[in-house]
């Protein structure tokens, strides 16, 4: 588990522990919706936004993802590295 995941784990445990998986999924979807709203505002599609609020909502999405990862004992850094490798190999020709 990387350092950020450890910090999230400690905080969640201080607050009483992890929610049930479907509750964490619902929280992730809620945060993703809030991030989407801020992105639309930032791009001036839906109002006007700012980079600080966009960053805050991105952090909330990442926090929710780390909670799910911790619950299932998944390493976020390792999962991301595997995705990078997958995209690098699979999409190499597409991006040239």
Protein backbone atom coordinates (compact mmCIF):
# COMPACT_ATOMS: atom_id res chain seq x y z
CA UNK A 1 0.00 0.00 0.00
CA UNK A 2 1.45 3.38 -0.94
CA UNK A 3 1.71 6.34 1.42
CA UNK A 4 -1.47 8.08 0.25
CA UNK A 5 -3.46 4.88 0.63
CA UNK A 6 -2.06 4.49 4.14
CA UNK A 7 -3.17 8.01 5.03
CA UNK A 8 -6.65 7.33 3.68
CA UNK A 9 -6.76 4.03 5.58
CA UNK A 10 -5.77 5.68 8.86
CA UNK A 11 -8.36 8.44 8.45
CA UNK A 12 -11.17 6.04 7.56
CA UNK A 13 -10.31 3.81 10.52
CA UNK A 14 -10.26 6.87 12.81
CA UNK A 15 -13.81 7.60 11.62
CA UNK A 16 -15.02 4.08 12.37
CA UNK A 17 -14.04 2.01 9.35
CA UNK A 18 -14.99 1.42 5.77
CA UNK A 19 -18.53 1.48 4.43
CA UNK A 20 -20.01 -1.49 2.65
CA UNK A 21 -18.80 -1.87 -0.97
CA UNK A 22 -22.07 -0.70 -2.56
CA UNK A 23 -22.07 2.37 -0.30
CA UNK A 24 -18.52 3.22 -1.35
CA UNK A 25 -19.53 2.77 -4.99
CA UNK A 26 -22.44 5.16 -4.47
CA UNK A 27 -20.06 7.68 -2.87
CA UNK A 28 -17.66 7.33 -5.81
CA UNK A 29 -20.46 7.93 -8.31
CA UNK A 30 -21.62 10.97 -6.35
CA UNK A 31 -18.10 12.40 -6.30
CA UNK A 32 -17.65 11.66 -10.00
CA UNK A 33 -20.86 13.58 -10.69
CA UNK A 34 -19.57 16.55 -8.69
CA UNK A 35 -16.25 16.39 -10.57
CA UNK A 36 -18.15 16.29 -13.87
CA UNK A 37 -20.17 19.36 -12.89
CA UNK A 38 -17.01 21.27 -11.99
CA UNK A 39 -15.30 20.24 -15.23
CA UNK A 40 -18.28 21.51 -17.22
CA UNK A 41 -18.13 24.79 -15.31
CA UNK A 42 -14.38 25.07 -15.77
CA UNK A 43 -14.78 24.56 -19.52
CA UNK A 44 -17.62 27.12 -19.50
CA UNK A 45 -20.15 24.61 -20.79
CA UNK A 46 -22.26 24.98 -17.66
CA UNK A 47 -21.57 28.21 -15.84
CA UNK A 48 -18.17 29.30 -14.64
CA UNK A 49 -15.74 27.32 -12.51
CA UNK A 50 -12.27 27.56 -11.09
CA UNK A 51 -9.24 25.31 -10.91
CA UNK A 52 -9.29 25.07 -7.11
CA UNK A 53 -12.80 23.60 -7.07
CA UNK A 54 -11.91 21.23 -9.93
CA UNK A 55 -8.86 20.06 -7.99
CA UNK A 56 -10.95 19.58 -4.83
CA UNK A 57 -13.45 17.39 -6.65
CA UNK A 58 -10.66 15.38 -8.30
CA UNK A 59 -9.24 14.77 -4.83
CA UNK A 60 -12.64 13.56 -3.63
CA UNK A 61 -12.86 11.10 -6.54
CA UNK A 62 -9.37 9.79 -5.81
CA UNK A 63 -10.17 9.49 -2.10
CA UNK A 64 -13.28 7.44 -2.88
CA UNK A 65 -11.29 5.20 -5.25
CA UNK A 66 -8.61 4.66 -2.61
CA UNK A 67 -11.26 3.66 -0.08
CA UNK A 68 -12.49 0.97 -2.46
CA UNK A 69 -8.92 -0.11 -3.22
CA UNK A 70 -8.09 -0.35 0.48
CA UNK A 71 -11.22 -2.34 1.22
CA UNK A 72 -10.18 -4.94 -1.37
CA UNK A 73 -6.45 -4.67 -0.54
CA UNK A 74 -5.58 -3.34 -3.99
CA UNK A 75 -2.52 -1.19 -4.58
CA UNK A 76 -3.54 1.96 -6.46
CA UNK A 77 -0.02 2.69 -7.66
CA UNK A 78 0.46 -0.83 -9.01
CA UNK A 79 -2.96 -0.83 -10.67
CA UNK A 80 -2.15 2.49 -12.36
CA UNK A 81 1.23 1.22 -13.57
CA UNK A 82 -0.48 -1.81 -15.09
CA UNK A 83 -2.96 0.45 -16.86
CA UNK A 84 -0.16 2.62 -18.23
CA UNK A 85 1.57 -0.47 -19.60
CA UNK A 86 -1.70 -1.74 -21.08
CA UNK A 87 -2.41 1.55 -22.86
CA UNK A 88 1.21 1.89 -23.97
CA UNK A 89 1.16 -1.53 -25.60
CA UNK A 90 -2.39 -1.53 -26.90
CA UNK A 91 -2.62 2.01 -28.21
CA UNK A 92 0.95 2.69 -29.32
CA UNK A 93 0.11 2.86 -33.03
CA UNK A 94 -3.07 4.87 -32.54
CA UNK A 95 -1.20 7.81 -30.96
CA UNK A 96 1.51 8.17 -33.61
